[in-house]
Amino acid sequence: MNQEKNIKILSTEEITQKLEEFPGWEYGNDKISKQFEFKSFLAGIDFVNSLASFCEEIDHHPDIHIAYKKIRFELQRFDVGGKVTDRDFTVARKIEELYKNYTV
């Protein structure tokens, strides 16, 4: 399925505006990012696994940095030159929704 036609590269102003709806998310180096903390290493890994099928389904895969109980997600779209797109915010929203089910 070719979903690239549905991808919109966002301007810095659009990114800044959208970030107002995403507390804790930051914009820098052409990506949006946020770190999350989990009660255990396995809870963090479980979280990543619960997100994986959604990311595969919409063909948008975050960079994921795991440091024991902390996981940092970095979102940008490489096939459009490493820019932030509307799809990055779709993934960020899903991350936030799933994280509500996890407690630190």
PDB file of N, CA and C in Angstrom:
ATOM      1  N   MET A   1       0.847  -1.175   0.000  1.00  0.00           N
ATOM      2  CA  MET A   1       0.000   0.000   0.000  1.00  0.00           C
ATOM      3  C   MET A   1       0.891   1.237   0.000  1.00  0.00           C
ATOM      4  N   ASN A   2       0.703   2.131  -0.934  1.00  0.00           N
ATOM      5  CA  ASN A   2       1.497   3.344  -1.045  1.00  0.00           C
ATOM      6  C   ASN A   2       0.797   4.482  -0.317  1.00  0.00           C
ATOM      7  N   GLN A   3       1.324   4.812   0.859  1.00  0.00           N
ATOM      8  CA  GLN A   3       0.703   5.854   1.665  1.00  0.00           C
ATOM      9  C   GLN A   3       1.456   7.177   1.585  1.00  0.00           C
ATOM     10  N   GLU A   4       2.562   7.226   0.840  1.00  0.00           N
ATOM     11  CA  GLU A   4       3.362   8.442   0.770  1.00  0.00           C
ATOM     12  C   GLU A   4       2.559   9.633   0.258  1.00  0.00           C
ATOM     13  N   LYS A   5       1.568   9.407  -0.584  1.00  0.00           N
ATOM     14  CA  LYS A   5       0.753  10.499  -1.114  1.00  0.00           C
ATOM     15  C   LYS A   5      -0.002  11.218   0.002  1.00  0.00           C
ATOM     16  N   ASN A   6      -0.215  10.526   1.122  1.00  0.00           N
ATOM     17  CA  ASN A   6      -0.958  11.105   2.238  1.00  0.00           C
ATOM     18  C   ASN A   6      -0.057  11.807   3.244  1.00  0.00           C
ATOM     19  N   ILE A   7       1.237  11.903   2.970  1.00  0.00           N
ATOM     20  CA  ILE A   7       2.182  12.483   3.917  1.00  0.00           C
ATOM     21  C   ILE A   7       2.381  13.964   3.621  1.00  0.00           C
ATOM     22  N   LYS A   8       2.266  14.789   4.674  1.00  0.00           N
ATOM     23  CA  LYS A   8       2.445  16.228   4.539  1.00  0.00           C
ATOM     24  C   LYS A   8       3.634  16.650   5.396  1.00  0.00           C
ATOM     25  N   ILE A   9       4.663  17.219   4.757  1.00  0.00           N
ATOM     26  CA  ILE A   9       5.791  17.783   5.494  1.00  0.00           C
ATOM     27  C   ILE A   9       5.293  19.049   6.185  1.00  0.00           C
ATOM     28  N   LEU A  10       5.609  19.171   7.476  1.00  0.00           N
ATOM     29  CA  LEU A  10       5.139  20.306   8.254  1.00  0.00           C
ATOM     30  C   LEU A  10       6.198  21.391   8.378  1.00  0.00           C
ATOM     31  N   SER A  11       5.750  22.624   8.377  1.00  0.00           N
ATOM     32  CA  SER A  11       6.657  23.757   8.594  1.00  0.00           C
ATOM     33  C   SER A  11       6.984  23.852  10.082  1.00  0.00           C
ATOM     34  N   THR A  12       8.007  24.605  10.415  1.00  0.00           N
ATOM     35  CA  THR A  12       8.358  24.808  11.819  1.00  0.00           C
ATOM     36  C   THR A  12       7.185  25.385  12.593  1.00  0.00           C
ATOM     37  N   GLU A  13       6.465  26.303  11.980  1.00  0.00           N
ATOM     38  CA  GLU A  13       5.304  26.901  12.645  1.00  0.00           C
ATOM     39  C   GLU A  13       4.217  25.861  12.905  1.00  0.00           C
ATOM     40  N   GLU A  14       3.960  24.999  11.926  1.00  0.00           N
ATOM     41  CA  GLU A  14       2.949  23.953  12.096  1.00  0.00           C
ATOM     42  C   GLU A  14       3.368  22.972  13.190  1.00  0.00           C
ATOM     43  N   ILE A  15       4.643  22.639  13.230  1.00  0.00           N
ATOM     44  CA  ILE A  15       5.156  21.717  14.249  1.00  0.00           C
ATOM     45  C   ILE A  15       4.991  22.336  15.632  1.00  0.00           C
ATOM     46  N   THR A  16       5.402  23.585  15.763  1.00  0.00           N
ATOM     47  CA  THR A  16       5.295  24.286  17.046  1.00  0.00           C
ATOM     48  C   THR A  16       3.846  24.340  17.510  1.00  0.00           C
ATOM     49  N   GLN A  17       2.948  24.605  16.605  1.00  0.00           N
ATOM     50  CA  GLN A  17       1.528  24.665  16.947  1.00  0.00           C
ATOM     51  C   GLN A  17       1.016  23.296  17.397  1.00  0.00           C
ATOM     52  N   LYS A  18       1.373  22.243  16.658  1.00  0.00           N
ATOM     53  CA  LYS A  18       0.909  20.903  17.007  1.00  0.00           C
ATOM     54  C   LYS A  18       1.491  20.434  18.338  1.00  0.00           C
ATOM     55  N   LEU A  19       2.719  20.843  18.641  1.00  0.00           N
ATOM     56  CA  LEU A  19       3.349  20.414  19.890  1.00  0.00           C
ATOM     57  C   LEU A  19       2.598  20.899  21.118  1.00  0.00           C
ATOM     58  N   GLU A  20       1.795  21.935  20.971  1.00  0.00           N
ATOM     59  CA  GLU A  20       1.001  22.423  22.098  1.00  0.00           C
ATOM     60  C   GLU A  20       0.034  21.356  22.597  1.00  0.00           C
ATOM     61  N   GLU A  21      -0.341  20.429  21.724  1.00  0.00           N
ATOM     62  CA  GLU A  21      -1.246  19.334  22.088  1.00  0.00           C
ATOM     63  C   GLU A  21      -0.495  18.119  22.638  1.00  0.00           C
ATOM     64  N   PHE A  22       0.840  18.199  22.692  1.00  0.00           N
ATOM     65  CA  PHE A  22       1.664  17.059  23.077  1.00  0.00           C
ATOM     66  C   PHE A  22       2.664  17.470  24.159  1.00  0.00           C
ATOM     67  N   PRO A  23       2.195  17.597  25.407  1.00  0.00           N
ATOM     68  CA  PRO A  23       3.089  18.006  26.497  1.00  0.00           C
ATOM     69  C   PRO A  23       4.306  17.082  26.609  1.00  0.00           C
ATOM     70  N   GLY A  24       5.463  17.689  26.772  1.00  0.00           N
ATOM     71  CA  GLY A  24       6.689  16.927  26.951  1.00  0.00           C
ATOM     72  C   GLY A  24       7.416  16.591  25.662  1.00  0.00           C
ATOM     73  N   TRP A  25       6.744  16.715  24.539  1.00  0.00           N
ATOM     74  CA  TRP A  25       7.398  16.456  23.261  1.00  0.00           C
ATOM     75  C   TRP A  25       8.204  17.688  22.863  1.00  0.00           C
ATOM     76  N   GLU A  26       9.357  17.449  22.260  1.00  0.00           N
ATOM     77  CA  GLU A  26      10.258  18.526  21.854  1.00  0.00           C
ATOM     78  C   GLU A  26      10.538  18.439  20.363  1.00  0.00           C
ATOM     79  N   TYR A  27      10.877  19.577  19.788  1.00  0.00           N
ATOM     80  CA  TYR A  27      11.259  19.624  18.377  1.00  0.00           C
ATOM     81  C   TYR A  27      12.693  20.125  18.280  1.00  0.00           C
ATOM     82  N   GLY A  28      13.525  19.397  17.544  1.00  0.00           N
ATOM     83  CA  GLY A  28      14.904  19.798  17.306  1.00  0.00           C
ATOM     84  C   GLY A  28      15.555  18.829  16.345  1.00  0.00           C
ATOM     85  N   ASN A  29      16.512  19.306  15.590  1.00  0.00           N
ATOM     86  CA  ASN A  29      17.231  18.460  14.624  1.00  0.00           C
ATOM     87  C   ASN A  29      16.269  17.752  13.662  1.00  0.00           C
ATOM     88  N   ASP A  30      15.243  18.469  13.234  1.00  0.00           N
ATOM     89  CA  ASP A  30      14.268  17.939  12.271  1.00  0.00           C
ATOM     90  C   ASP A  30      13.549  16.688  12.759  1.00  0.00           C
ATOM     91  N   LYS A  31      13.276  16.619  14.068  1.00  0.00           N
ATOM     92  CA  LYS A  31      12.507  15.488  14.607  1.00  0.00           C
ATOM     93  C   LYS A  31      11.771  15.941  15.859  1.00  0.00           C
ATOM     94  N   ILE A  32      10.713  15.211  16.192  1.00  0.00           N
ATOM     95  CA  ILE A  32      10.051  15.407  17.475  1.00  0.00           C
ATOM     96  C   ILE A  32      10.424  14.225  18.358  1.00  0.00           C
ATOM     97  N   SER A  33      10.552  14.471  19.658  1.00  0.00           N
ATOM     98  CA  SER A  33      10.998  13.398  20.545  1.00  0.00           C
ATOM     99  C   SER A  33      10.456  13.581  21.950  1.00  0.00           C
ATOM    100  N   LYS A  34      10.428  12.457  22.654  1.00  0.00           N
ATOM    101  CA  LYS A  34      10.020  12.468  24.056  1.00  0.00           C
ATOM    102  C   LYS A  34      10.534  11.195  24.714  1.00  0.00           C
ATOM    103  N   GLN A  35      10.902  11.333  25.986  1.00  0.00           N
ATOM    104  CA  GLN A  35      11.334  10.183  26.775  1.00  0.00           C
ATOM    105  C   GLN A  35      10.230   9.770  27.736  1.00  0.00           C
ATOM    106  N   PHE A  36      10.046   8.467  27.861  1.00  0.00           N
ATOM    107  CA  PHE A  36       9.049   7.886  28.750  1.00  0.00           C
ATOM    108  C   PHE A  36       9.751   6.968  29.733  1.00  0.00           C
ATOM    109  N   GLU A  37       9.205   6.870  30.932  1.00  0.00           N
ATOM    110  CA  GLU A  37       9.786   5.981  31.939  1.00  0.00           C
ATOM    111  C   GLU A  37       8.778   4.901  32.309  1.00  0.00           C
ATOM    112  N   PHE A  38       9.295   3.705  32.548  1.00  0.00           N
ATOM    113  CA  PHE A  38       8.471   2.547  32.861  1.00  0.00           C
ATOM    114  C   PHE A  38       8.903   1.944  34.197  1.00  0.00           C
ATOM    115  N   LYS A  39       8.026   1.116  34.785  1.00  0.00           N
ATOM    116  CA  LYS A  39       8.327   0.552  36.099  1.00  0.00           C
ATOM    117  C   LYS A  39       9.425  -0.507  36.037  1.00  0.00           C
ATOM    118  N   SER A  40       9.642  -1.070  34.865  1.00  0.00           N
ATOM    119  CA  SER A  40      10.699  -2.081  34.708  1.00  0.00           C
ATOM    120  C   SER A  40      11.158  -2.111  33.249  1.00  0.00           C
ATOM    121  N   PHE A  41      12.286  -2.749  33.035  1.00  0.00           N
ATOM    122  CA  PHE A  41      12.798  -2.932  31.686  1.00  0.00           C
ATOM    123  C   PHE A  41      11.785  -3.687  30.829  1.00  0.00           C
ATOM    124  N   LEU A  42      11.227  -4.771  31.393  1.00  0.00           N
ATOM    125  CA  LEU A  42      10.280  -5.583  30.621  1.00  0.00           C
ATOM    126  C   LEU A  42       9.003  -4.822  30.294  1.00  0.00           C
ATOM    127  N   ALA A  43       8.555  -3.942  31.182  1.00  0.00           N
ATOM    128  CA  ALA A  43       7.364  -3.131  30.883  1.00  0.00           C
ATOM    129  C   ALA A  43       7.644  -2.220  29.692  1.00  0.00           C
ATOM    130  N   GLY A  44       8.838  -1.657  29.628  1.00  0.00           N
ATOM    131  CA  GLY A  44       9.214  -0.813  28.497  1.00  0.00           C
ATOM    132  C   GLY A  44       9.261  -1.593  27.193  1.00  0.00           C
ATOM    133  N   ILE A  45       9.825  -2.775  27.258  1.00  0.00           N
ATOM    134  CA  ILE A  45       9.902  -3.630  26.064  1.00  0.00           C
ATOM    135  C   ILE A  45       8.502  -4.039  25.629  1.00  0.00           C
ATOM    136  N   ASP A  46       7.648  -4.365  26.574  1.00  0.00           N
ATOM    137  CA  ASP A  46       6.259  -4.703  26.271  1.00  0.00           C
ATOM    138  C   ASP A  46       5.569  -3.525  25.580  1.00  0.00           C
ATOM    139  N   PHE A  47       5.834  -2.330  26.061  1.00  0.00           N
ATOM    140  CA  PHE A  47       5.252  -1.132  25.454  1.00  0.00           C
ATOM    141  C   PHE A  47       5.689  -0.999  23.992  1.00  0.00           C
ATOM    142  N   VAL A  48       6.979  -1.138  23.744  1.00  0.00           N
ATOM    143  CA  VAL A  48       7.489  -1.048  22.367  1.00  0.00           C
ATOM    144  C   VAL A  48       6.815  -2.102  21.496  1.00  0.00           C
ATOM    145  N   ASN A  49       6.689  -3.308  22.020  1.00  0.00           N
ATOM    146  CA  ASN A  49       6.034  -4.371  21.253  1.00  0.00           C
ATOM    147  C   ASN A  49       4.575  -4.048  20.970  1.00  0.00           C
ATOM    148  N   SER A  50       3.897  -3.400  21.917  1.00  0.00           N
ATOM    149  CA  SER A  50       2.488  -3.062  21.694  1.00  0.00           C
ATOM    150  C   SER A  50       2.328  -1.971  20.638  1.00  0.00           C
ATOM    151  N   LEU A  51       3.358  -1.179  20.436  1.00  0.00           N
ATOM    152  CA  LEU A  51       3.335  -0.102  19.447  1.00  0.00           C
ATOM    153  C   LEU A  51       3.735  -0.577  18.046  1.00  0.00           C
ATOM    154  N   ALA A  52       4.516  -1.638  17.984  1.00  0.00           N
ATOM    155  CA  ALA A  52       5.145  -2.064  16.728  1.00  0.00           C
ATOM    156  C   ALA A  52       4.151  -2.348  15.603  1.00  0.00           C
ATOM    157  N   SER A  53       3.076  -3.053  15.873  1.00  0.00           N
ATOM    158  CA  SER A  53       2.146  -3.401  14.793  1.00  0.00           C
ATOM    159  C   SER A  53       1.449  -2.159  14.233  1.00  0.00           C
ATOM    160  N   PHE A  54       1.143  -1.188  15.089  1.00  0.00           N
ATOM    161  CA  PHE A  54       0.547   0.066  14.615  1.00  0.00           C
ATOM    162  C   PHE A  54       1.514   0.788  13.676  1.00  0.00           C
ATOM    163  N   CYS A  55       2.773   0.873  14.077  1.00  0.00           N
ATOM    164  CA  CYS A  55       3.773   1.556  13.248  1.00  0.00           C
ATOM    165  C   CYS A  55       3.941   0.851  11.900  1.00  0.00           C
ATOM    166  N   GLU A  56       3.948  -0.446  11.926  1.00  0.00           N
ATOM    167  CA  GLU A  56       4.067  -1.209  10.687  1.00  0.00           C
ATOM    168  C   GLU A  56       2.847  -0.984   9.798  1.00  0.00           C
ATOM    169  N   GLU A  57       1.682  -0.972  10.412  1.00  0.00           N
ATOM    170  CA  GLU A  57       0.433  -0.794   9.666  1.00  0.00           C
ATOM    171  C   GLU A  57       0.390   0.540   8.919  1.00  0.00           C
ATOM    172  N   ILE A  58       0.865   1.606   9.555  1.00  0.00           N
ATOM    173  CA  ILE A  58       0.821   2.913   8.888  1.00  0.00           C
ATOM    174  C   ILE A  58       2.149   3.259   8.204  1.00  0.00           C
ATOM    175  N   ASP A  59       3.088   2.309   8.190  1.00  0.00           N
ATOM    176  CA  ASP A  59       4.383   2.480   7.537  1.00  0.00           C
ATOM    177  C   ASP A  59       5.116   3.717   8.056  1.00  0.00           C
ATOM    178  N   HIS A  60       5.237   3.792   9.374  1.00  0.00           N
ATOM    179  CA  HIS A  60       5.987   4.883   9.982  1.00  0.00           C
ATOM    180  C   HIS A  60       6.631   4.375  11.266  1.00  0.00           C
ATOM    181  N   HIS A  61       7.951   4.347  11.269  1.00  0.00           N
ATOM    182  CA  HIS A  61       8.689   3.662  12.323  1.00  0.00           C
ATOM    183  C   HIS A  61       9.588   4.644  13.083  1.00  0.00           C
ATOM    184  N   PRO A  62       9.348   4.806  14.383  1.00  0.00           N
ATOM    185  CA  PRO A  62      10.165   5.733  15.164  1.00  0.00           C
ATOM    186  C   PRO A  62      11.551   5.156  15.445  1.00  0.00           C
ATOM    187  N   ASP A  63      12.513   6.051  15.667  1.00  0.00           N
ATOM    188  CA  ASP A  63      13.774   5.624  16.264  1.00  0.00           C
ATOM    189  C   ASP A  63      13.473   5.439  17.740  1.00  0.00           C
ATOM    190  N   ILE A  64      13.904   4.323  18.291  1.00  0.00           N
ATOM    191  CA  ILE A  64      13.607   3.977  19.676  1.00  0.00           C
ATOM    192  C   ILE A  64      14.922   3.741  20.401  1.00  0.00           C
ATOM    193  N   HIS A  65      15.155   4.505  21.463  1.00  0.00           N
ATOM    194  CA  HIS A  65      16.371   4.395  22.257  1.00  0.00           C
ATOM    195  C   HIS A  65      15.989   3.881  23.640  1.00  0.00           C
ATOM    196  N   ILE A  66      16.502   2.718  23.991  1.00  0.00           N
ATOM    197  CA  ILE A  66      16.155   2.078  25.251  1.00  0.00           C
ATOM    198  C   ILE A  66      17.341   2.185  26.203  1.00  0.00           C
ATOM    199  N   ALA A  67      17.101   2.769  27.370  1.00  0.00           N
ATOM    200  CA  ALA A  67      18.100   2.881  28.422  1.00  0.00           C
ATOM    201  C   ALA A  67      17.469   2.364  29.716  1.00  0.00           C
ATOM    202  N   TYR A  68      17.537   1.066  29.896  1.00  0.00           N
ATOM    203  CA  TYR A  68      16.953   0.368  31.028  1.00  0.00           C
ATOM    204  C   TYR A  68      15.456   0.628  31.105  1.00  0.00           C
ATOM    205  N   LYS A  69      14.970   1.467  32.024  1.00  0.00           N
ATOM    206  CA  LYS A  69      13.529   1.697  32.169  1.00  0.00           C
ATOM    207  C   LYS A  69      13.058   2.948  31.437  1.00  0.00           C
ATOM    208  N   LYS A  70      13.959   3.596  30.715  1.00  0.00           N
ATOM    209  CA  LYS A  70      13.613   4.810  29.978  1.00  0.00           C
ATOM    210  C   LYS A  70      13.676   4.535  28.482  1.00  0.00           C
ATOM    211  N   ILE A  71      12.656   5.005  27.793  1.00  0.00           N
ATOM    212  CA  ILE A  71      12.611   4.836  26.339  1.00  0.00           C
ATOM    213  C   ILE A  71      12.353   6.194  25.711  1.00  0.00           C
ATOM    214  N   ARG A  72      13.210   6.533  24.768  1.00  0.00           N
ATOM    215  CA  ARG A  72      13.076   7.796  24.046  1.00  0.00           C
ATOM    216  C   ARG A  72      12.666   7.489  22.614  1.00  0.00           C
ATOM    217  N   PHE A  73      11.593   8.146  22.188  1.00  0.00           N
ATOM    218  CA  PHE A  73      11.111   8.012  20.816  1.00  0.00           C
ATOM    219  C   PHE A  73      11.490   9.263  20.046  1.00  0.00           C
ATOM    220  N   GLU A  74      12.035   9.077  18.855  1.00  0.00           N
ATOM    221  CA  GLU A  74      12.358  10.180  17.945  1.00  0.00           C
ATOM    222  C   GLU A  74      11.631   9.918  16.635  1.00  0.00           C
ATOM    223  N   LEU A  75      10.886  10.918  16.195  1.00  0.00           N
ATOM    224  CA  LEU A  75      10.037  10.754  15.017  1.00  0.00           C
ATOM    225  C   LEU A  75      10.393  11.756  13.930  1.00  0.00           C
ATOM    226  N   GLN A  76      10.627  11.232  12.751  1.00  0.00           N
ATOM    227  CA  GLN A  76      10.813  12.013  11.528  1.00  0.00           C
ATOM    228  C   GLN A  76      10.648  11.042  10.366  1.00  0.00           C
ATOM    229  N   ARG A  77      10.443  11.583   9.193  1.00  0.00           N
ATOM    230  CA  ARG A  77      10.206  10.742   8.016  1.00  0.00           C
ATOM    231  C   ARG A  77      11.440  10.803   7.108  1.00  0.00           C
ATOM    232  N   PHE A  78      12.155   9.695   7.015  1.00  0.00           N
ATOM    233  CA  PHE A  78      13.402   9.680   6.268  1.00  0.00           C
ATOM    234  C   PHE A  78      13.202   9.761   4.763  1.00  0.00           C
ATOM    235  N   ASP A  79      12.127   9.164   4.258  1.00  0.00           N
ATOM    236  CA  ASP A  79      11.949   9.137   2.799  1.00  0.00           C
ATOM    237  C   ASP A  79      11.488  10.477   2.222  1.00  0.00           C
ATOM    238  N   VAL A  80      11.291  11.484   3.087  1.00  0.00           N
ATOM    239  CA  VAL A  80      11.011  12.841   2.599  1.00  0.00           C
ATOM    240  C   VAL A  80      12.121  13.790   3.068  1.00  0.00           C
ATOM    241  N   GLY A  81      13.304  13.232   3.260  1.00  0.00           N
ATOM    242  CA  GLY A  81      14.461  14.052   3.613  1.00  0.00           C
ATOM    243  C   GLY A  81      14.667  14.257   5.095  1.00  0.00           C
ATOM    244  N   GLY A  82      14.120  13.378   5.914  1.00  0.00           N
ATOM    245  CA  GLY A  82      14.305  13.491   7.353  1.00  0.00           C
ATOM    246  C   GLY A  82      13.575  14.678   7.951  1.00  0.00           C
ATOM    247  N   LYS A  83      12.362  14.876   7.531  1.00  0.00           N
ATOM    248  CA  LYS A  83      11.541  15.999   8.006  1.00  0.00           C
ATOM    249  C   LYS A  83      10.402  15.487   8.879  1.00  0.00           C
ATOM    250  N   VAL A  84       9.810  16.399   9.636  1.00  0.00           N
ATOM    251  CA  VAL A  84       8.647  16.065  10.456  1.00  0.00           C
ATOM    252  C   VAL A  84       7.396  16.190   9.591  1.00  0.00           C
ATOM    253  N   THR A  85       6.547  15.188   9.686  1.00  0.00           N
ATOM    254  CA  THR A  85       5.318  15.145   8.892  1.00  0.00           C
ATOM    255  C   THR A  85       4.109  14.961   9.809  1.00  0.00           C
ATOM    256  N   ASP A  86       2.950  15.061   9.210  1.00  0.00           N
ATOM    257  CA  ASP A  86       1.725  14.816   9.973  1.00  0.00           C
ATOM    258  C   ASP A  86       1.695  13.398  10.542  1.00  0.00           C
ATOM    259  N   ARG A  87       2.332  12.464   9.852  1.00  0.00           N
ATOM    260  CA  ARG A  87       2.334  11.076  10.325  1.00  0.00           C
ATOM    261  C   ARG A  87       3.147  10.919  11.615  1.00  0.00           C
ATOM    262  N   ASP A  88       4.154  11.776  11.818  1.00  0.00           N
ATOM    263  CA  ASP A  88       4.901  11.727  13.076  1.00  0.00           C
ATOM    264  C   ASP A  88       3.970  12.008  14.258  1.00  0.00           C
ATOM    265  N   PHE A  89       3.071  12.941  14.075  1.00  0.00           N
ATOM    266  CA  PHE A  89       2.128  13.268  15.136  1.00  0.00           C
ATOM    267  C   PHE A  89       1.073  12.172  15.310  1.00  0.00           C
ATOM    268  N   THR A  90       0.783  11.436  14.258  1.00  0.00           N
ATOM    269  CA  THR A  90      -0.114  10.282  14.383  1.00  0.00           C
ATOM    270  C   THR A  90       0.532   9.237  15.291  1.00  0.00           C
ATOM    271  N   VAL A  91       1.825   8.990  15.090  1.00  0.00           N
ATOM    272  CA  VAL A  91       2.537   8.019  15.927  1.00  0.00           C
ATOM    273  C   VAL A  91       2.677   8.555  17.352  1.00  0.00           C
ATOM    274  N   ALA A  92       3.000   9.839  17.501  1.00  0.00           N
ATOM    275  CA  ALA A  92       3.117  10.433  18.837  1.00  0.00           C
ATOM    276  C   ALA A  92       1.802  10.296  19.605  1.00  0.00           C
ATOM    277  N   ARG A  93       0.695  10.525  18.932  1.00  0.00           N
ATOM    278  CA  ARG A  93      -0.615  10.390  19.576  1.00  0.00           C
ATOM    279  C   ARG A  93      -0.844   8.948  20.036  1.00  0.00           C
ATOM    280  N   LYS A  94      -0.480   7.987  19.202  1.00  0.00           N
ATOM    281  CA  LYS A  94      -0.636   6.575  19.566  1.00  0.00           C
ATOM    282  C   LYS A  94       0.259   6.221  20.749  1.00  0.00           C
ATOM    283  N   ILE A  95       1.486   6.723  20.758  1.00  0.00           N
ATOM    284  CA  ILE A  95       2.391   6.484  21.886  1.00  0.00           C
ATOM    285  C   ILE A  95       1.754   7.004  23.176  1.00  0.00           C
ATOM    286  N   GLU A  96       1.219   8.215  23.121  1.00  0.00           N
ATOM    287  CA  GLU A  96       0.586   8.803  24.311  1.00  0.00           C
ATOM    288  C   GLU A  96      -0.626   7.984  24.759  1.00  0.00           C
ATOM    289  N   GLU A  97      -1.445   7.540  23.825  1.00  0.00           N
ATOM    290  CA  GLU A  97      -2.617   6.728  24.167  1.00  0.00           C
ATOM    291  C   GLU A  97      -2.203   5.426  24.843  1.00  0.00           C
ATOM    292  N   LEU A  98      -1.196   4.751  24.292  1.00  0.00           N
ATOM    293  CA  LEU A  98      -0.750   3.490  24.859  1.00  0.00           C
ATOM    294  C   LEU A  98      -0.094   3.693  26.222  1.00  0.00           C
ATOM    295  N   TYR A  99       0.632   4.787  26.378  1.00  0.00           N
ATOM    296  CA  TYR A  99       1.357   5.026  27.627  1.00  0.00           C
ATOM    297  C   TYR A  99       0.411   5.210  28.810  1.00  0.00           C
ATOM    298  N   LYS A 100      -0.812   5.652  28.552  1.00  0.00           N
ATOM    299  CA  LYS A 100      -1.798   5.821  29.631  1.00  0.00           C
ATOM    300  C   LYS A 100      -2.059   4.487  30.350  1.00  0.00           C
ATOM    301  N   ASN A 101      -1.800   3.369  29.674  1.00  0.00           N
ATOM    302  CA  ASN A 101      -2.023   2.044  30.263  1.00  0.00           C
ATOM    303  C   ASN A 101      -0.847   1.563  31.093  1.00  0.00           C
ATOM    304  N   TYR A 102       0.258   2.324  31.089  1.00  0.00           N
ATOM    305  CA  TYR A 102       1.461   1.913  31.807  1.00  0.00           C
ATOM    306  C   TYR A 102       1.697   2.885  32.962  1.00  0.00           C
ATOM    307  N   THR A 103       2.129   2.347  34.090  1.00  0.00           N
ATOM    308  CA  THR A 103       2.431   3.190  35.235  1.00  0.00           C
ATOM    309  C   THR A 103       3.901   3.068  35.589  1.00  0.00           C
ATOM    310  N   VAL A 104       4.438   4.150  36.078  1.00  0.00           N
ATOM    311  CA  VAL A 104       5.862   4.164  36.459  1.00  0.00           C
ATOM    312  C   VAL A 104       6.012   3.593  37.845  1.00  0.00           C
TER     313      VAL A 104
END
